[in-house]
Amino acid sequence: MKDGTITITNIGVFGVDTGTPILNPGQVAIVALGSIRPKPWVVNNEIVIRQVTTIGATFDHRVVDGDVASRFVQDVASVIEEPALLLD
């Protein structure tokens, strides 16, 4: 990696559901996406099967405040759940 600020890594290709990504030297964040699997999920108070993934992230807290980092991960999750949000 050279001249990057954030890495996005797909650990799901290895069949891994979740993990703690290790920050690359010189970068401020890394976001890891786990495998996508069918799981029971509550939608409108009913249990249905949905395709679900996990998001893990590591941030350099010398550069990024934890509150800002948390909101960033929430925004990434929102776009994954509803890609049309990118059009707004």
N, C-alpha and C. Protein backbone atom coordinates (compact mmCIF):
# COMPACT_ATOMS: atom_id res chain seq x y z
N MET A 1 0.84 -1.17 0.00
CA MET A 1 0.00 0.00 0.00
C MET A 1 0.88 1.23 0.00
N LYS A 2 0.50 2.19 -0.83
CA LYS A 2 1.28 3.42 -0.88
C LYS A 2 0.34 4.60 -1.05
N ASP A 3 0.55 5.64 -0.27
CA ASP A 3 -0.20 6.89 -0.38
C ASP A 3 -1.70 6.73 -0.11
N GLY A 4 -2.09 5.71 0.61
CA GLY A 4 -3.50 5.53 0.94
C GLY A 4 -3.83 6.13 2.30
N THR A 5 -5.10 6.42 2.51
CA THR A 5 -5.57 6.93 3.79
C THR A 5 -6.43 5.89 4.50
N ILE A 6 -7.29 5.21 3.71
CA ILE A 6 -8.20 4.20 4.25
C ILE A 6 -8.11 2.96 3.36
N THR A 7 -8.11 1.79 3.98
CA THR A 7 -8.18 0.53 3.25
C THR A 7 -9.54 -0.09 3.48
N ILE A 8 -10.12 -0.65 2.42
CA ILE A 8 -11.32 -1.47 2.55
C ILE A 8 -10.90 -2.88 2.17
N THR A 9 -11.13 -3.83 3.07
CA THR A 9 -10.72 -5.21 2.83
C THR A 9 -11.91 -6.14 2.93
N ASN A 10 -11.92 -7.16 2.10
CA ASN A 10 -13.00 -8.13 2.07
C ASN A 10 -12.49 -9.45 2.65
N ILE A 11 -12.72 -9.65 3.94
CA ILE A 11 -12.29 -10.90 4.57
C ILE A 11 -13.30 -12.01 4.31
N GLY A 12 -14.46 -11.64 3.78
CA GLY A 12 -15.50 -12.62 3.47
C GLY A 12 -15.09 -13.60 2.39
N VAL A 13 -14.19 -13.21 1.49
CA VAL A 13 -13.76 -14.12 0.43
C VAL A 13 -13.05 -15.34 1.00
N PHE A 14 -12.60 -15.26 2.24
CA PHE A 14 -11.95 -16.39 2.90
C PHE A 14 -12.92 -17.16 3.78
N GLY A 15 -14.22 -16.83 3.69
CA GLY A 15 -15.23 -17.50 4.51
C GLY A 15 -15.26 -17.00 5.94
N VAL A 16 -14.64 -15.86 6.20
CA VAL A 16 -14.58 -15.30 7.54
C VAL A 16 -15.77 -14.37 7.74
N ASP A 17 -16.49 -14.55 8.85
CA ASP A 17 -17.65 -13.71 9.13
C ASP A 17 -17.27 -12.36 9.73
N THR A 18 -16.29 -12.34 10.60
CA THR A 18 -15.92 -11.10 11.27
C THR A 18 -14.47 -11.16 11.71
N GLY A 19 -13.92 -10.00 12.00
CA GLY A 19 -12.55 -9.94 12.46
C GLY A 19 -12.18 -8.51 12.80
N THR A 20 -11.02 -8.36 13.38
CA THR A 20 -10.51 -7.03 13.71
C THR A 20 -9.39 -6.71 12.74
N PRO A 21 -9.64 -5.81 11.80
CA PRO A 21 -8.60 -5.50 10.81
C PRO A 21 -7.43 -4.75 11.44
N ILE A 22 -6.24 -5.02 10.95
CA ILE A 22 -5.03 -4.39 11.47
C ILE A 22 -4.70 -3.19 10.58
N LEU A 23 -4.52 -2.06 11.22
CA LEU A 23 -4.25 -0.81 10.53
C LEU A 23 -2.90 -0.86 9.81
N ASN A 24 -2.90 -0.46 8.55
CA ASN A 24 -1.65 -0.39 7.78
C ASN A 24 -0.85 0.84 8.20
N PRO A 25 0.46 0.73 8.28
CA PRO A 25 1.28 1.88 8.68
C PRO A 25 1.02 3.10 7.78
N GLY A 26 0.86 4.26 8.41
CA GLY A 26 0.64 5.49 7.67
C GLY A 26 -0.79 5.77 7.29
N GLN A 27 -1.70 4.83 7.57
CA GLN A 27 -3.11 5.04 7.24
C GLN A 27 -3.89 5.37 8.51
N VAL A 28 -5.08 5.95 8.32
CA VAL A 28 -5.88 6.33 9.49
C VAL A 28 -7.03 5.36 9.76
N ALA A 29 -7.36 4.50 8.79
CA ALA A 29 -8.48 3.58 9.01
C ALA A 29 -8.39 2.38 8.09
N ILE A 30 -9.00 1.29 8.54
CA ILE A 30 -9.21 0.11 7.70
C ILE A 30 -10.59 -0.43 8.04
N VAL A 31 -11.34 -0.77 7.00
CA VAL A 31 -12.70 -1.30 7.16
C VAL A 31 -12.72 -2.70 6.56
N ALA A 32 -13.21 -3.67 7.32
CA ALA A 32 -13.28 -5.05 6.86
C ALA A 32 -14.73 -5.48 6.73
N LEU A 33 -15.06 -6.11 5.61
CA LEU A 33 -16.40 -6.66 5.39
C LEU A 33 -16.31 -8.18 5.45
N GLY A 34 -17.19 -8.79 6.24
CA GLY A 34 -17.21 -10.23 6.39
C GLY A 34 -18.02 -10.90 5.30
N SER A 35 -18.09 -12.23 5.36
CA SER A 35 -18.86 -12.98 4.37
C SER A 35 -20.34 -12.65 4.49
N ILE A 36 -21.04 -12.79 3.38
CA ILE A 36 -22.49 -12.56 3.35
C ILE A 36 -23.16 -13.92 3.49
N ARG A 37 -24.02 -14.03 4.49
CA ARG A 37 -24.68 -15.31 4.76
C ARG A 37 -26.16 -15.08 5.06
N PRO A 38 -26.99 -16.07 4.73
CA PRO A 38 -28.41 -15.95 5.11
C PRO A 38 -28.55 -16.18 6.62
N LYS A 39 -29.24 -15.24 7.28
CA LYS A 39 -29.43 -15.34 8.73
C LYS A 39 -30.82 -14.86 9.09
N PRO A 40 -31.34 -15.34 10.23
CA PRO A 40 -32.63 -14.82 10.68
C PRO A 40 -32.48 -13.36 11.11
N TRP A 41 -33.44 -12.54 10.69
CA TRP A 41 -33.37 -11.10 10.95
C TRP A 41 -34.77 -10.60 11.28
N VAL A 42 -34.89 -9.65 12.16
CA VAL A 42 -36.20 -9.12 12.52
C VAL A 42 -36.52 -7.94 11.60
N VAL A 43 -37.64 -8.06 10.87
CA VAL A 43 -38.12 -7.01 9.98
C VAL A 43 -39.60 -6.81 10.27
N ASN A 44 -39.97 -5.60 10.67
CA ASN A 44 -41.36 -5.30 11.02
C ASN A 44 -41.91 -6.29 12.05
N ASN A 45 -41.12 -6.55 13.08
CA ASN A 45 -41.49 -7.45 14.18
C ASN A 45 -41.70 -8.90 13.76
N GLU A 46 -41.18 -9.28 12.61
CA GLU A 46 -41.25 -10.67 12.16
C GLU A 46 -39.84 -11.16 11.85
N ILE A 47 -39.61 -12.44 12.09
CA ILE A 47 -38.31 -13.02 11.79
C ILE A 47 -38.34 -13.52 10.35
N VAL A 48 -37.40 -13.01 9.56
CA VAL A 48 -37.28 -13.40 8.16
C VAL A 48 -35.81 -13.73 7.89
N ILE A 49 -35.57 -14.40 6.78
CA ILE A 49 -34.19 -14.70 6.39
C ILE A 49 -33.69 -13.56 5.51
N ARG A 50 -32.54 -13.02 5.87
CA ARG A 50 -31.91 -11.92 5.13
C ARG A 50 -30.44 -12.25 4.90
N GLN A 51 -29.89 -11.69 3.83
CA GLN A 51 -28.46 -11.79 3.58
C GLN A 51 -27.77 -10.77 4.49
N VAL A 52 -26.87 -11.23 5.35
CA VAL A 52 -26.28 -10.37 6.38
C VAL A 52 -24.75 -10.46 6.30
N THR A 53 -24.10 -9.34 6.52
CA THR A 53 -22.65 -9.29 6.63
C THR A 53 -22.27 -8.50 7.88
N THR A 54 -21.01 -8.50 8.22
CA THR A 54 -20.53 -7.70 9.34
C THR A 54 -19.53 -6.67 8.82
N ILE A 55 -19.42 -5.60 9.58
CA ILE A 55 -18.43 -4.57 9.28
C ILE A 55 -17.55 -4.40 10.51
N GLY A 56 -16.26 -4.50 10.30
CA GLY A 56 -15.30 -4.23 11.37
C GLY A 56 -14.40 -3.10 10.94
N ALA A 57 -13.96 -2.30 11.87
CA ALA A 57 -13.10 -1.17 11.50
C ALA A 57 -12.09 -0.89 12.60
N THR A 58 -10.94 -0.41 12.18
CA THR A 58 -9.90 0.04 13.09
C THR A 58 -9.50 1.45 12.66
N PHE A 59 -9.39 2.34 13.63
CA PHE A 59 -9.05 3.73 13.35
C PHE A 59 -7.86 4.15 14.20
N ASP A 60 -7.06 5.06 13.68
CA ASP A 60 -5.98 5.66 14.44
C ASP A 60 -6.58 6.80 15.25
N HIS A 61 -6.74 6.59 16.54
CA HIS A 61 -7.41 7.58 17.40
C HIS A 61 -6.56 8.84 17.62
N ARG A 62 -5.34 8.82 17.15
CA ARG A 62 -4.56 10.07 17.18
C ARG A 62 -5.06 11.03 16.11
N VAL A 63 -5.76 10.48 15.10
CA VAL A 63 -6.22 11.28 13.97
C VAL A 63 -7.75 11.40 13.95
N VAL A 64 -8.43 10.31 14.30
CA VAL A 64 -9.89 10.26 14.20
C VAL A 64 -10.50 10.01 15.57
N ASP A 65 -11.42 10.88 15.99
CA ASP A 65 -12.14 10.70 17.24
C ASP A 65 -13.07 9.50 17.13
N GLY A 66 -13.24 8.77 18.22
CA GLY A 66 -14.09 7.58 18.23
C GLY A 66 -15.52 7.85 17.83
N ASP A 67 -16.05 9.01 18.20
CA ASP A 67 -17.43 9.36 17.82
C ASP A 67 -17.55 9.50 16.31
N VAL A 68 -16.61 10.19 15.70
CA VAL A 68 -16.61 10.36 14.24
C VAL A 68 -16.44 9.01 13.56
N ALA A 69 -15.55 8.18 14.08
CA ALA A 69 -15.31 6.85 13.52
C ALA A 69 -16.57 6.00 13.58
N SER A 70 -17.28 6.04 14.70
CA SER A 70 -18.52 5.27 14.86
C SER A 70 -19.57 5.71 13.85
N ARG A 71 -19.70 7.02 13.67
CA ARG A 71 -20.69 7.52 12.71
C ARG A 71 -20.31 7.14 11.28
N PHE A 72 -19.01 7.11 10.98
CA PHE A 72 -18.57 6.67 9.66
C PHE A 72 -18.99 5.23 9.40
N VAL A 73 -18.76 4.34 10.38
CA VAL A 73 -19.14 2.94 10.22
C VAL A 73 -20.66 2.82 10.07
N GLN A 74 -21.42 3.59 10.82
CA GLN A 74 -22.88 3.59 10.68
C GLN A 74 -23.30 4.03 9.28
N ASP A 75 -22.63 5.04 8.74
CA ASP A 75 -22.94 5.50 7.38
C ASP A 75 -22.63 4.43 6.34
N VAL A 76 -21.50 3.75 6.50
CA VAL A 76 -21.14 2.67 5.58
C VAL A 76 -22.21 1.57 5.65
N ALA A 77 -22.63 1.20 6.85
CA ALA A 77 -23.66 0.17 7.02
C ALA A 77 -24.97 0.61 6.37
N SER A 78 -25.34 1.87 6.52
CA SER A 78 -26.58 2.37 5.93
C SER A 78 -26.56 2.25 4.41
N VAL A 79 -25.42 2.56 3.80
CA VAL A 79 -25.32 2.48 2.34
C VAL A 79 -25.34 1.02 1.88
N ILE A 80 -24.73 0.13 2.64
CA ILE A 80 -24.77 -1.30 2.28
C ILE A 80 -26.21 -1.81 2.38
N GLU A 81 -26.93 -1.39 3.42
CA GLU A 81 -28.31 -1.82 3.60
C GLU A 81 -29.24 -1.22 2.55
N GLU A 82 -28.96 0.00 2.12
CA GLU A 82 -29.83 0.71 1.18
C GLU A 82 -28.97 1.48 0.18
N PRO A 83 -28.48 0.79 -0.88
CA PRO A 83 -27.58 1.44 -1.83
C PRO A 83 -28.16 2.69 -2.50
N ALA A 84 -29.47 2.79 -2.59
CA ALA A 84 -30.09 3.97 -3.22
C ALA A 84 -29.73 5.25 -2.48
N LEU A 85 -29.27 5.15 -1.22
CA LEU A 85 -28.86 6.34 -0.47
C LEU A 85 -27.71 7.07 -1.18
N LEU A 86 -26.94 6.35 -1.98
CA LEU A 86 -25.84 6.98 -2.70
C LEU A 86 -26.35 7.94 -3.77
N LEU A 87 -27.60 7.78 -4.16
CA LEU A 87 -28.17 8.63 -5.20
C LEU A 87 -28.69 9.95 -4.66
N ASP A 88 -28.86 10.04 -3.35
CA ASP A 88 -29.39 11.28 -2.75
C ASP A 88 -28.36 12.36 -2.69
